[in-house]
Amino acid sequence: MKGRNLSTWGVILALIIVQGRAASQQLEARAWVDSASFVVGDPIRVHVQVDHPAGTTLTALPGDSLGLTVLEPLTLKPEQDSGSSGYLVVSAYDSGSTIFPSIAFLATKGGSTSPDTVRTNPVLLNISLVDVDTSDEIKDLKPPLTIPLTFADVALWTGIVLALLALAYGVYRFWKKRQEKKTELPAYTPPPKAAHIVALEELGRLKDERLCRRGK
């Protein structure tokens, strides 16, 4: 009889413990990152897990980013009836230790008018600068890219070269014809003398012959 009573009390105590754990785990949120150290400008994925009862609607409350740049906003997806999970991506552009703040959610159960508030834990982020070897020569981040020539490129440039050659030949032929026309011009022929000038010249010639003195 005494053993049966101890067994009964053990079952009751186990039920109380299980119910207490279930009650404490009905609404819980946590956040974590994949690494403890990052480089300035690295995308940092912050994972978020919210455990809540089935039929609960979560609404994220706006918070302070504490100097972090949000690259991708938080998206939560339900995981069956045990909760919701998702992630957001942030980046830091200052070196040192910074804290990703906790995210607050309003959890509204189906049919309830008074939502509960649950927060994730803050996450410590260690941001460092990129190690630079000042003794090494300065190099490009990537070598120059070479663009391979295609048949279309070769045909295009060949056409351009042929067009320029044809244009140059046409200009040369035009200049050559102009030079040939200049050399083929006829010699200059002065216009004939006017009739009165011819008459005056003939009269002068007759006067010089002194025909009167010769009896003519």
N, C-alpha and C. Protein backbone atom coordinates (compact mmCIF):
# COMPACT_ATOMS: atom_id res chain seq x y z
N MET A 1 0.84 -1.20 0.00
CA MET A 1 0.00 0.00 0.00
C MET A 1 0.87 1.24 0.00
N LYS A 2 1.91 1.19 0.85
CA LYS A 2 2.83 2.32 0.93
C LYS A 2 3.57 2.52 -0.39
N GLY A 3 3.97 1.40 -1.01
CA GLY A 3 4.65 1.51 -2.31
C GLY A 3 3.75 2.08 -3.37
N ARG A 4 2.45 1.70 -3.33
CA ARG A 4 1.51 2.23 -4.33
C ARG A 4 1.36 3.73 -4.16
N ASN A 5 1.33 4.21 -2.89
CA ASN A 5 1.20 5.65 -2.64
C ASN A 5 2.42 6.41 -3.16
N LEU A 6 3.63 5.85 -2.96
CA LEU A 6 4.84 6.49 -3.46
C LEU A 6 4.83 6.56 -4.98
N SER A 7 4.36 5.48 -5.60
CA SER A 7 4.28 5.48 -7.06
C SER A 7 3.30 6.53 -7.55
N THR A 8 2.17 6.67 -6.85
CA THR A 8 1.17 7.68 -7.25
C THR A 8 1.75 9.07 -7.13
N TRP A 9 2.42 9.34 -6.00
CA TRP A 9 3.02 10.67 -5.83
C TRP A 9 4.13 10.93 -6.87
N GLY A 10 4.83 9.89 -7.25
CA GLY A 10 5.85 10.07 -8.29
C GLY A 10 5.25 10.45 -9.62
N VAL A 11 4.12 9.81 -9.97
CA VAL A 11 3.44 10.15 -11.23
C VAL A 11 2.94 11.58 -11.18
N ILE A 12 2.36 11.97 -10.03
CA ILE A 12 1.83 13.33 -9.90
C ILE A 12 2.96 14.35 -10.02
N LEU A 13 4.11 14.07 -9.35
CA LEU A 13 5.24 14.99 -9.42
C LEU A 13 5.78 15.11 -10.84
N ALA A 14 5.83 13.98 -11.56
CA ALA A 14 6.31 14.01 -12.95
C ALA A 14 5.37 14.82 -13.83
N LEU A 15 4.05 14.67 -13.60
CA LEU A 15 3.09 15.45 -14.38
C LEU A 15 3.24 16.93 -14.11
N ILE A 16 3.48 17.27 -12.84
CA ILE A 16 3.65 18.68 -12.50
C ILE A 16 4.88 19.26 -13.19
N ILE A 17 5.99 18.48 -13.17
CA ILE A 17 7.22 18.95 -13.82
C ILE A 17 7.02 19.11 -15.32
N VAL A 18 6.37 18.12 -15.94
CA VAL A 18 6.14 18.18 -17.40
C VAL A 18 5.25 19.36 -17.74
N GLN A 19 4.19 19.56 -16.95
CA GLN A 19 3.28 20.66 -17.23
C GLN A 19 3.99 22.00 -17.03
N GLY A 20 4.85 22.06 -16.00
CA GLY A 20 5.58 23.30 -15.77
C GLY A 20 6.52 23.62 -16.92
N ARG A 21 7.22 22.60 -17.40
CA ARG A 21 8.11 22.82 -18.55
C ARG A 21 7.32 23.19 -19.78
N ALA A 22 6.20 22.53 -20.00
CA ALA A 22 5.38 22.84 -21.19
C ALA A 22 4.87 24.26 -21.11
N ALA A 23 4.46 24.67 -19.88
CA ALA A 23 3.94 26.04 -19.73
C ALA A 23 5.02 27.07 -19.97
N SER A 24 6.26 26.76 -19.49
CA SER A 24 7.35 27.71 -19.67
C SER A 24 7.85 27.74 -21.10
N GLN A 25 7.64 26.67 -21.86
CA GLN A 25 8.12 26.61 -23.23
C GLN A 25 7.03 26.92 -24.24
N GLN A 26 5.86 27.32 -23.77
CA GLN A 26 4.80 27.62 -24.73
C GLN A 26 5.14 28.84 -25.56
N LEU A 27 5.81 29.84 -24.99
CA LEU A 27 6.15 31.06 -25.70
C LEU A 27 7.59 31.43 -25.37
N GLU A 28 8.48 31.21 -26.32
CA GLU A 28 9.89 31.46 -26.11
C GLU A 28 10.53 31.83 -27.44
N ALA A 29 11.46 32.79 -27.40
CA ALA A 29 12.14 33.24 -28.63
C ALA A 29 13.63 33.29 -28.36
N ARG A 30 14.42 32.98 -29.38
CA ARG A 30 15.87 33.02 -29.25
C ARG A 30 16.47 33.38 -30.62
N ALA A 31 17.68 33.90 -30.57
CA ALA A 31 18.40 34.30 -31.79
C ALA A 31 19.85 33.87 -31.66
N TRP A 32 20.48 33.57 -32.80
CA TRP A 32 21.89 33.17 -32.81
C TRP A 32 22.47 33.39 -34.21
N VAL A 33 23.80 33.40 -34.26
CA VAL A 33 24.51 33.56 -35.53
C VAL A 33 25.42 32.35 -35.72
N ASP A 34 25.90 32.19 -36.95
CA ASP A 34 26.70 31.01 -37.28
C ASP A 34 28.14 31.12 -36.81
N SER A 35 28.62 32.35 -36.57
CA SER A 35 30.01 32.53 -36.17
C SER A 35 30.07 33.64 -35.13
N ALA A 36 31.19 33.70 -34.43
CA ALA A 36 31.36 34.74 -33.41
C ALA A 36 32.12 35.95 -33.94
N SER A 37 32.85 35.80 -35.05
CA SER A 37 33.67 36.89 -35.58
C SER A 37 33.34 37.08 -37.06
N PHE A 38 33.32 38.35 -37.45
CA PHE A 38 33.03 38.71 -38.84
C PHE A 38 33.96 39.83 -39.27
N VAL A 39 34.04 40.03 -40.59
CA VAL A 39 34.83 41.11 -41.17
C VAL A 39 33.88 42.22 -41.59
N VAL A 40 34.38 43.45 -41.56
CA VAL A 40 33.57 44.60 -41.93
C VAL A 40 32.96 44.38 -43.32
N GLY A 41 31.66 44.54 -43.41
CA GLY A 41 30.96 44.38 -44.68
C GLY A 41 30.44 42.99 -44.93
N ASP A 42 30.79 42.03 -44.09
CA ASP A 42 30.28 40.66 -44.28
C ASP A 42 28.77 40.61 -44.05
N PRO A 43 28.04 39.84 -44.86
CA PRO A 43 26.62 39.61 -44.55
C PRO A 43 26.51 38.66 -43.36
N ILE A 44 25.79 39.08 -42.36
CA ILE A 44 25.64 38.30 -41.13
C ILE A 44 24.21 37.80 -41.06
N ARG A 45 24.04 36.50 -41.08
CA ARG A 45 22.71 35.90 -41.01
C ARG A 45 22.37 35.63 -39.54
N VAL A 46 21.32 36.27 -39.08
CA VAL A 46 20.85 36.10 -37.70
C VAL A 46 19.62 35.19 -37.74
N HIS A 47 19.74 34.03 -37.14
CA HIS A 47 18.65 33.06 -37.10
C HIS A 47 17.72 33.38 -35.93
N VAL A 48 16.44 33.22 -36.15
CA VAL A 48 15.44 33.49 -35.13
C VAL A 48 14.51 32.29 -35.02
N GLN A 49 14.26 31.85 -33.81
CA GLN A 49 13.35 30.74 -33.53
C GLN A 49 12.37 31.18 -32.45
N VAL A 50 11.08 31.03 -32.73
CA VAL A 50 10.03 31.38 -31.76
C VAL A 50 9.17 30.14 -31.55
N ASP A 51 9.14 29.67 -30.32
CA ASP A 51 8.27 28.55 -29.94
C ASP A 51 6.97 29.12 -29.40
N HIS A 52 5.86 28.67 -29.95
CA HIS A 52 4.56 29.18 -29.52
C HIS A 52 3.51 28.11 -29.75
N PRO A 53 2.38 28.20 -29.08
CA PRO A 53 1.31 27.22 -29.29
C PRO A 53 0.71 27.35 -30.68
N ALA A 54 0.02 26.33 -31.08
CA ALA A 54 -0.64 26.34 -32.39
C ALA A 54 -1.68 27.45 -32.43
N GLY A 55 -1.83 28.06 -33.61
CA GLY A 55 -2.83 29.10 -33.79
C GLY A 55 -2.38 30.46 -33.30
N THR A 56 -1.09 30.66 -33.04
CA THR A 56 -0.58 31.94 -32.57
C THR A 56 -0.09 32.77 -33.74
N THR A 57 -0.45 34.06 -33.73
CA THR A 57 -0.01 34.99 -34.76
C THR A 57 1.09 35.87 -34.19
N LEU A 58 2.23 35.94 -34.90
CA LEU A 58 3.38 36.72 -34.45
C LEU A 58 3.48 38.01 -35.24
N THR A 59 3.74 39.10 -34.53
CA THR A 59 3.95 40.40 -35.16
C THR A 59 5.24 40.99 -34.60
N ALA A 60 6.22 41.20 -35.48
CA ALA A 60 7.50 41.76 -35.03
C ALA A 60 7.35 43.25 -34.76
N LEU A 61 7.86 43.71 -33.62
CA LEU A 61 7.81 45.12 -33.25
C LEU A 61 9.08 45.81 -33.75
N PRO A 62 8.97 47.06 -34.19
CA PRO A 62 10.18 47.77 -34.65
C PRO A 62 11.14 47.99 -33.50
N GLY A 63 12.42 47.91 -33.82
CA GLY A 63 13.45 48.09 -32.81
C GLY A 63 14.62 48.87 -33.35
N ASP A 64 15.63 49.06 -32.52
CA ASP A 64 16.83 49.80 -32.89
C ASP A 64 17.84 48.86 -33.52
N SER A 65 18.41 49.28 -34.67
CA SER A 65 19.40 48.44 -35.35
C SER A 65 20.80 48.61 -34.78
N LEU A 66 21.03 49.64 -33.95
CA LEU A 66 22.32 49.88 -33.30
C LEU A 66 23.47 49.96 -34.31
N GLY A 67 23.28 50.70 -35.38
CA GLY A 67 24.35 50.91 -36.36
C GLY A 67 24.52 49.80 -37.36
N LEU A 68 23.69 48.79 -37.30
CA LEU A 68 23.76 47.70 -38.27
C LEU A 68 22.87 48.01 -39.47
N THR A 69 23.33 47.58 -40.64
CA THR A 69 22.56 47.77 -41.87
C THR A 69 21.82 46.48 -42.18
N VAL A 70 20.52 46.59 -42.35
CA VAL A 70 19.69 45.42 -42.66
C VAL A 70 19.73 45.18 -44.17
N LEU A 71 20.29 44.06 -44.56
CA LEU A 71 20.36 43.69 -45.98
C LEU A 71 19.11 42.92 -46.41
N GLU A 72 18.61 42.05 -45.55
CA GLU A 72 17.39 41.30 -45.83
C GLU A 72 16.52 41.33 -44.57
N PRO A 73 15.27 41.75 -44.69
CA PRO A 73 14.41 41.82 -43.50
C PRO A 73 14.07 40.43 -42.98
N LEU A 74 13.54 40.43 -41.78
CA LEU A 74 13.19 39.17 -41.12
C LEU A 74 11.97 38.53 -41.78
N THR A 75 12.08 37.25 -42.04
CA THR A 75 10.95 36.47 -42.56
C THR A 75 10.80 35.23 -41.69
N LEU A 76 9.61 35.03 -41.17
CA LEU A 76 9.32 33.87 -40.33
C LEU A 76 8.38 32.93 -41.05
N LYS A 77 8.66 31.65 -40.94
CA LYS A 77 7.80 30.63 -41.53
C LYS A 77 7.38 29.66 -40.44
N PRO A 78 6.12 29.26 -40.42
CA PRO A 78 5.67 28.33 -39.38
C PRO A 78 6.29 26.95 -39.55
N GLU A 79 6.58 26.32 -38.43
CA GLU A 79 7.09 24.95 -38.41
C GLU A 79 6.04 24.06 -37.78
N GLN A 80 5.18 23.52 -38.61
CA GLN A 80 4.05 22.69 -38.14
C GLN A 80 3.27 23.48 -37.09
N ASP A 81 3.11 22.93 -35.89
CA ASP A 81 2.38 23.63 -34.84
C ASP A 81 3.27 23.97 -33.65
N SER A 82 4.60 23.76 -33.81
CA SER A 82 5.48 23.95 -32.65
C SER A 82 6.08 25.35 -32.58
N GLY A 83 5.99 26.13 -33.63
CA GLY A 83 6.58 27.46 -33.61
C GLY A 83 6.85 27.97 -35.00
N SER A 84 7.69 29.00 -35.07
CA SER A 84 8.08 29.63 -36.33
C SER A 84 9.57 29.91 -36.29
N SER A 85 10.18 29.91 -37.47
CA SER A 85 11.61 30.17 -37.57
C SER A 85 11.89 30.96 -38.83
N GLY A 86 12.99 31.63 -38.84
CA GLY A 86 13.40 32.41 -40.01
C GLY A 86 14.73 33.05 -39.75
N TYR A 87 15.08 34.05 -40.56
CA TYR A 87 16.36 34.72 -40.39
C TYR A 87 16.27 36.10 -41.04
N LEU A 88 17.21 36.93 -40.68
CA LEU A 88 17.42 38.21 -41.34
C LEU A 88 18.91 38.39 -41.54
N VAL A 89 19.30 39.22 -42.50
CA VAL A 89 20.70 39.42 -42.84
C VAL A 89 21.05 40.89 -42.57
N VAL A 90 22.11 41.09 -41.79
CA VAL A 90 22.57 42.43 -41.47
C VAL A 90 24.05 42.53 -41.82
N SER A 91 24.58 43.74 -41.75
CA SER A 91 26.00 43.96 -42.01
C SER A 91 26.47 45.13 -41.17
N ALA A 92 27.73 45.08 -40.75
CA ALA A 92 28.33 46.14 -39.94
C ALA A 92 29.51 46.74 -40.69
N TYR A 93 29.65 48.07 -40.63
CA TYR A 93 30.72 48.75 -41.34
C TYR A 93 31.65 49.50 -40.40
N ASP A 94 31.58 49.18 -39.11
CA ASP A 94 32.50 49.69 -38.11
C ASP A 94 33.10 48.50 -37.37
N SER A 95 34.40 48.57 -37.14
CA SER A 95 35.05 47.47 -36.43
C SER A 95 34.80 47.59 -34.94
N GLY A 96 34.97 46.47 -34.25
CA GLY A 96 34.76 46.42 -32.81
C GLY A 96 33.65 45.46 -32.46
N SER A 97 33.31 45.46 -31.20
CA SER A 97 32.24 44.59 -30.71
C SER A 97 30.92 45.36 -30.71
N THR A 98 29.92 44.77 -31.25
CA THR A 98 28.59 45.37 -31.28
C THR A 98 27.57 44.31 -30.90
N ILE A 99 26.42 44.76 -30.50
CA ILE A 99 25.37 43.86 -30.04
C ILE A 99 24.18 43.95 -30.99
N PHE A 100 23.79 42.82 -31.51
CA PHE A 100 22.54 42.77 -32.25
C PHE A 100 21.41 42.74 -31.23
N PRO A 101 20.52 43.73 -31.23
CA PRO A 101 19.52 43.84 -30.16
C PRO A 101 18.49 42.73 -30.24
N SER A 102 17.80 42.56 -29.14
CA SER A 102 16.72 41.57 -29.11
C SER A 102 15.55 42.04 -29.96
N ILE A 103 14.83 41.10 -30.53
CA ILE A 103 13.66 41.39 -31.36
C ILE A 103 12.42 41.04 -30.55
N ALA A 104 11.50 41.97 -30.48
CA ALA A 104 10.26 41.76 -29.73
C ALA A 104 9.14 41.36 -30.68
N PHE A 105 8.32 40.43 -30.23
CA PHE A 105 7.18 39.95 -31.00
C PHE A 105 5.93 40.07 -30.15
N LEU A 106 4.83 40.42 -30.79
CA LEU A 106 3.52 40.32 -30.18
C LEU A 106 2.92 38.99 -30.61
N ALA A 107 2.61 38.16 -29.63
CA ALA A 107 2.04 36.83 -29.90
C ALA A 107 0.57 36.85 -29.52
N THR A 108 -0.27 36.69 -30.52
CA THR A 108 -1.71 36.71 -30.29
C THR A 108 -2.27 35.32 -30.55
N LYS A 109 -2.85 34.73 -29.54
CA LYS A 109 -3.46 33.42 -29.69
C LYS A 109 -4.84 33.57 -30.31
N GLY A 110 -5.28 32.51 -30.94
CA GLY A 110 -6.59 32.54 -31.58
C GLY A 110 -7.71 32.83 -30.59
N GLY A 111 -8.50 33.88 -30.88
CA GLY A 111 -9.62 34.23 -30.00
C GLY A 111 -9.25 35.09 -28.82
N SER A 112 -7.95 35.39 -28.62
CA SER A 112 -7.52 36.20 -27.48
C SER A 112 -7.40 37.65 -27.90
N THR A 113 -7.76 38.56 -27.01
CA THR A 113 -7.68 40.00 -27.29
C THR A 113 -6.50 40.65 -26.60
N SER A 114 -5.79 39.92 -25.76
CA SER A 114 -4.63 40.48 -25.06
C SER A 114 -3.39 39.72 -25.49
N PRO A 115 -2.61 40.27 -26.42
CA PRO A 115 -1.41 39.56 -26.91
C PRO A 115 -0.30 39.57 -25.86
N ASP A 116 0.53 38.56 -25.94
CA ASP A 116 1.71 38.47 -25.10
C ASP A 116 2.92 38.98 -25.88
N THR A 117 3.92 39.37 -25.13
CA THR A 117 5.17 39.87 -25.73
C THR A 117 6.29 38.90 -25.42
N VAL A 118 7.06 38.58 -26.43
CA VAL A 118 8.20 37.69 -26.26
C VAL A 118 9.38 38.32 -26.98
N ARG A 119 10.56 38.20 -26.42
CA ARG A 119 11.77 38.79 -26.98
C ARG A 119 12.86 37.74 -27.17
N THR A 120 13.64 37.96 -28.22
CA THR A 120 14.82 37.12 -28.42
C THR A 120 15.96 37.65 -27.55
N ASN A 121 16.96 36.86 -27.38
CA ASN A 121 18.15 37.29 -26.65
C ASN A 121 19.02 38.16 -27.54
N PRO A 122 19.72 39.15 -27.01
CA PRO A 122 20.69 39.90 -27.81
C PRO A 122 21.88 39.03 -28.19
N VAL A 123 22.51 39.36 -29.30
CA VAL A 123 23.63 38.56 -29.82
C VAL A 123 24.86 39.46 -29.94
N LEU A 124 25.98 39.01 -29.38
CA LEU A 124 27.24 39.75 -29.47
C LEU A 124 27.93 39.45 -30.79
N LEU A 125 28.34 40.51 -31.49
CA LEU A 125 29.03 40.38 -32.78
C LEU A 125 30.40 41.03 -32.68
N ASN A 126 31.44 40.33 -33.07
CA ASN A 126 32.80 40.86 -33.11
C ASN A 126 33.16 41.16 -34.55
N ILE A 127 33.36 42.45 -34.87
CA ILE A 127 33.62 42.89 -36.23
C ILE A 127 35.08 43.34 -36.30
N SER A 128 35.83 42.81 -37.26
CA SER A 128 37.24 43.16 -37.43
C SER A 128 37.47 43.70 -38.84
N LEU A 129 38.58 44.41 -39.00
CA LEU A 129 38.95 44.94 -40.30
C LEU A 129 39.66 43.86 -41.12
N VAL A 130 39.74 44.11 -42.41
CA VAL A 130 40.45 43.18 -43.30
C VAL A 130 41.95 43.35 -43.10
N ASP A 131 42.64 42.24 -42.90
CA ASP A 131 44.09 42.29 -42.73
C ASP A 131 44.75 42.70 -44.04
N VAL A 132 45.59 43.74 -43.99
CA VAL A 132 46.27 44.26 -45.18
C VAL A 132 47.77 44.13 -44.98
N ASP A 133 48.43 43.50 -45.94
CA ASP A 133 49.88 43.36 -45.91
C ASP A 133 50.48 44.57 -46.61
N THR A 134 50.95 45.54 -45.83
CA THR A 134 51.50 46.77 -46.42
C THR A 134 52.82 46.55 -47.12
N SER A 135 53.49 45.44 -46.87
CA SER A 135 54.77 45.18 -47.52
C SER A 135 54.60 44.64 -48.93
N ASP A 136 53.43 44.17 -49.26
CA ASP A 136 53.18 43.60 -50.58
C ASP A 136 52.76 44.70 -51.53
N GLU A 137 52.98 44.49 -52.83
CA GLU A 137 52.60 45.48 -53.82
C GLU A 137 51.08 45.54 -53.97
N ILE A 138 50.62 46.68 -54.42
CA ILE A 138 49.19 46.88 -54.61
C ILE A 138 48.74 46.13 -55.86
N LYS A 139 47.69 45.36 -55.71
CA LYS A 139 47.16 44.57 -56.82
C LYS A 139 45.66 44.82 -56.94
N ASP A 140 45.16 44.56 -58.13
CA ASP A 140 43.73 44.64 -58.34
C ASP A 140 43.04 43.51 -57.61
N LEU A 141 41.77 43.77 -57.25
CA LEU A 141 41.01 42.71 -56.62
C LEU A 141 40.84 41.52 -57.56
N LYS A 142 40.65 41.81 -58.83
CA LYS A 142 40.53 40.77 -59.84
C LYS A 142 41.36 41.17 -61.05
N PRO A 143 41.96 40.22 -61.75
CA PRO A 143 42.73 40.57 -62.94
C PRO A 143 41.80 41.06 -64.04
N PRO A 144 42.33 41.82 -65.01
CA PRO A 144 41.49 42.28 -66.12
C PRO A 144 40.89 41.10 -66.88
N LEU A 145 39.65 41.25 -67.24
CA LEU A 145 38.96 40.20 -67.97
C LEU A 145 39.22 40.34 -69.46
N THR A 146 39.39 39.24 -70.13
CA THR A 146 39.56 39.23 -71.58
C THR A 146 38.26 38.75 -72.22
N ILE A 147 37.81 39.52 -73.17
CA ILE A 147 36.55 39.19 -73.86
C ILE A 147 36.90 38.44 -75.14
N PRO A 148 36.49 37.21 -75.31
CA PRO A 148 36.82 36.47 -76.53
C PRO A 148 36.09 37.05 -77.74
N LEU A 149 36.80 37.04 -78.88
CA LEU A 149 36.20 37.52 -80.12
C LEU A 149 35.29 36.46 -80.72
N THR A 150 34.14 36.91 -81.17
CA THR A 150 33.20 36.02 -81.84
C THR A 150 33.22 36.30 -83.34
N PHE A 151 32.54 35.45 -84.09
CA PHE A 151 32.47 35.65 -85.54
C PHE A 151 31.76 36.96 -85.88
N ALA A 152 30.76 37.31 -85.10
CA ALA A 152 30.04 38.57 -85.34
C ALA A 152 30.97 39.77 -85.13
N ASP A 153 31.83 39.71 -84.10
CA ASP A 153 32.76 40.80 -83.86
C ASP A 153 33.76 40.93 -85.01
N VAL A 154 34.31 39.79 -85.46
CA VAL A 154 35.26 39.82 -86.56
C VAL A 154 34.60 40.38 -87.83
N ALA A 155 33.38 39.93 -88.11
CA ALA A 155 32.68 40.42 -89.30
C ALA A 155 32.40 41.92 -89.20
N LEU A 156 32.05 42.39 -88.02
CA LEU A 156 31.77 43.82 -87.84
C LEU A 156 33.02 44.66 -88.08
N TRP A 157 34.14 44.28 -87.46
CA TRP A 157 35.36 45.06 -87.64
C TRP A 157 35.89 44.96 -89.06
N THR A 158 35.74 43.79 -89.68
CA THR A 158 36.16 43.66 -91.08
C THR A 158 35.33 44.58 -91.97
N GLY A 159 34.03 44.65 -91.74
CA GLY A 159 33.18 45.55 -92.51
C GLY A 159 33.56 47.01 -92.33
N ILE A 160 33.90 47.38 -91.07
CA ILE A 160 34.29 48.77 -90.82
C ILE A 160 35.57 49.12 -91.56
N VAL A 161 36.56 48.19 -91.52
CA VAL A 161 37.83 48.44 -92.21
C VAL A 161 37.61 48.55 -93.72
N LEU A 162 36.81 47.65 -94.29
CA LEU A 162 36.53 47.71 -95.73
C LEU A 162 35.80 49.00 -96.10
N ALA A 163 34.88 49.44 -95.27
CA ALA A 163 34.16 50.68 -95.55
C ALA A 163 35.10 51.88 -95.53
N LEU A 164 36.04 51.90 -94.58
CA LEU A 164 37.01 52.99 -94.52
C LEU A 164 37.93 52.97 -95.74
N LEU A 165 38.35 51.77 -96.15
CA LEU A 165 39.20 51.68 -97.35
C LEU A 165 38.45 52.14 -98.59
N ALA A 166 37.19 51.76 -98.72
CA ALA A 166 36.40 52.20 -99.87
C ALA A 166 36.22 53.71 -99.87
N LEU A 167 35.99 54.29 -98.69
CA LEU A 167 35.84 55.73 -98.60
C LEU A 167 37.14 56.44 -98.98
N ALA A 168 38.27 55.90 -98.49
CA ALA A 168 39.55 56.51 -98.83
C ALA A 168 39.82 56.42 -100.33
N TYR A 169 39.49 55.28 -100.96
CA TYR A 169 39.70 55.12 -102.40
C TYR A 169 38.81 56.08 -103.19
N GLY A 170 37.57 56.27 -102.75
CA GLY A 170 36.69 57.21 -103.43
C GLY A 170 37.20 58.64 -103.36
N VAL A 171 37.72 59.03 -102.18
CA VAL A 171 38.29 60.38 -102.06
C VAL A 171 39.50 60.53 -102.97
N TYR A 172 40.32 59.50 -103.04
CA TYR A 172 41.50 59.56 -103.91
C TYR A 172 41.11 59.69 -105.38
N ARG A 173 40.13 58.90 -105.82
CA ARG A 173 39.69 58.98 -107.22
C ARG A 173 39.11 60.35 -107.55
N PHE A 174 38.37 60.94 -106.64
CA PHE A 174 37.80 62.27 -106.87
C PHE A 174 38.91 63.31 -107.01
N TRP A 175 39.93 63.22 -106.13
CA TRP A 175 41.04 64.17 -106.22
C TRP A 175 41.84 63.96 -107.51
N LYS A 176 42.00 62.69 -107.91
CA LYS A 176 42.75 62.41 -109.14
C LYS A 176 42.05 62.98 -110.36
N LYS A 177 40.73 62.86 -110.43
CA LYS A 177 40.00 63.39 -111.58
C LYS A 177 40.08 64.91 -111.62
N ARG A 178 40.05 65.54 -110.47
CA ARG A 178 40.17 66.99 -110.45
C ARG A 178 41.53 67.42 -110.99
N GLN A 179 42.59 66.65 -110.63
CA GLN A 179 43.91 66.99 -111.13
C GLN A 179 44.00 66.77 -112.64
N GLU A 180 43.40 65.71 -113.16
CA GLU A 180 43.41 65.45 -114.60
C GLU A 180 42.67 66.53 -115.37
N LYS A 181 41.55 67.03 -114.86
CA LYS A 181 40.81 68.08 -115.54
C LYS A 181 41.63 69.37 -115.60
N LYS A 182 42.40 69.63 -114.55
CA LYS A 182 43.22 70.84 -114.56
C LYS A 182 44.30 70.77 -115.63
N THR A 183 44.92 69.61 -115.86
CA THR A 183 45.98 69.47 -116.87
C THR A 183 45.44 69.42 -118.28
N GLU A 184 44.18 69.07 -118.51
CA GLU A 184 43.60 68.95 -119.84
C GLU A 184 42.99 70.25 -120.34
N LEU A 185 43.10 71.34 -119.64
CA LEU A 185 42.52 72.61 -120.10
C LEU A 185 43.26 73.11 -121.35
N PRO A 186 42.58 73.63 -122.44
CA PRO A 186 43.24 74.13 -123.67
C PRO A 186 44.08 75.37 -123.37
N ALA A 187 45.09 75.57 -124.28
CA ALA A 187 45.95 76.76 -124.15
C ALA A 187 45.13 78.03 -124.37
N TYR A 188 45.57 79.07 -123.73
CA TYR A 188 44.85 80.34 -123.80
C TYR A 188 45.02 80.96 -125.19
N THR A 189 43.92 81.31 -125.85
CA THR A 189 43.91 81.97 -127.16
C THR A 189 43.33 83.37 -126.98
N PRO A 190 44.14 84.37 -127.28
CA PRO A 190 43.61 85.74 -127.09
C PRO A 190 42.50 86.02 -128.09
N PRO A 191 41.59 86.84 -127.74
CA PRO A 191 40.48 87.17 -128.66
C PRO A 191 41.00 87.99 -129.86
N PRO A 192 40.32 87.94 -131.05
CA PRO A 192 40.76 88.70 -132.23
C PRO A 192 40.65 90.22 -131.99
N LYS A 193 41.53 90.96 -132.73
CA LYS A 193 41.54 92.41 -132.57
C LYS A 193 40.27 93.02 -133.16
N ALA A 194 39.90 94.12 -132.59
CA ALA A 194 38.72 94.83 -133.10
C ALA A 194 39.01 95.43 -134.48
N ALA A 195 37.96 95.69 -135.26
CA ALA A 195 38.11 96.16 -136.65
C ALA A 195 38.75 97.54 -136.70
N HIS A 196 38.41 98.43 -135.80
CA HIS A 196 38.99 99.78 -135.86
C HIS A 196 40.46 99.75 -135.51
N ILE A 197 40.85 98.81 -134.63
CA ILE A 197 42.29 98.71 -134.32
C ILE A 197 43.06 98.18 -135.51
N VAL A 198 42.46 97.20 -136.23
CA VAL A 198 43.12 96.66 -137.44
C VAL A 198 43.24 97.76 -138.49
N ALA A 199 42.18 98.60 -138.65
CA ALA A 199 42.20 99.68 -139.65
C ALA A 199 43.26 100.70 -139.32
N LEU A 200 43.36 101.04 -138.02
CA LEU A 200 44.37 102.03 -137.63
C LEU A 200 45.77 101.48 -137.85
N GLU A 201 45.98 100.21 -137.60
CA GLU A 201 47.30 99.62 -137.82
C GLU A 201 47.65 99.62 -139.31
N GLU A 202 46.67 99.34 -140.19
CA GLU A 202 46.92 99.34 -141.63
C GLU A 202 47.23 100.74 -142.13
N LEU A 203 46.51 101.73 -141.62
CA LEU A 203 46.77 103.12 -142.03
C LEU A 203 48.17 103.55 -141.61
N GLY A 204 48.56 103.11 -140.40
CA GLY A 204 49.91 103.46 -139.98
C GLY A 204 50.95 102.82 -140.85
N ARG A 205 50.68 101.55 -141.26
CA ARG A 205 51.64 100.89 -142.14
C ARG A 205 51.76 101.59 -143.48
N LEU A 206 50.60 102.06 -144.06
CA LEU A 206 50.63 102.79 -145.33
C LEU A 206 51.38 104.11 -145.18
N LYS A 207 51.20 104.76 -144.05
CA LYS A 207 51.90 106.03 -143.83
C LYS A 207 53.40 105.81 -143.79
N ASP A 208 53.81 104.70 -143.19
CA ASP A 208 55.25 104.42 -143.11
C ASP A 208 55.85 104.10 -144.47
N GLU A 209 55.06 103.61 -145.45
CA GLU A 209 55.59 103.25 -146.76
C GLU A 209 55.83 104.49 -147.62
N ARG A 210 55.29 105.67 -147.27
CA ARG A 210 55.46 106.93 -147.99
C ARG A 210 55.23 106.75 -149.49
N LEU A 211 54.08 106.24 -149.80
CA LEU A 211 53.69 105.98 -151.21
C LEU A 211 53.60 107.27 -152.04
N CYS A 212 53.25 108.35 -151.41
CA CYS A 212 53.12 109.62 -152.15
C CYS A 212 54.46 110.06 -152.73
N ARG A 213 55.53 109.84 -151.99
CA ARG A 213 56.85 110.24 -152.47
C ARG A 213 57.31 109.39 -153.62
N ARG A 214 56.72 108.22 -153.78
CA ARG A 214 57.11 107.34 -154.89
C ARG A 214 56.14 107.44 -156.06
N GLY A 215 55.28 108.47 -156.00
CA GLY A 215 54.34 108.74 -157.10
C GLY A 215 53.18 107.81 -157.12
N LYS A 216 52.89 107.20 -156.01
CA LYS A 216 51.73 106.29 -155.95
C LYS A 216 50.65 106.91 -155.10
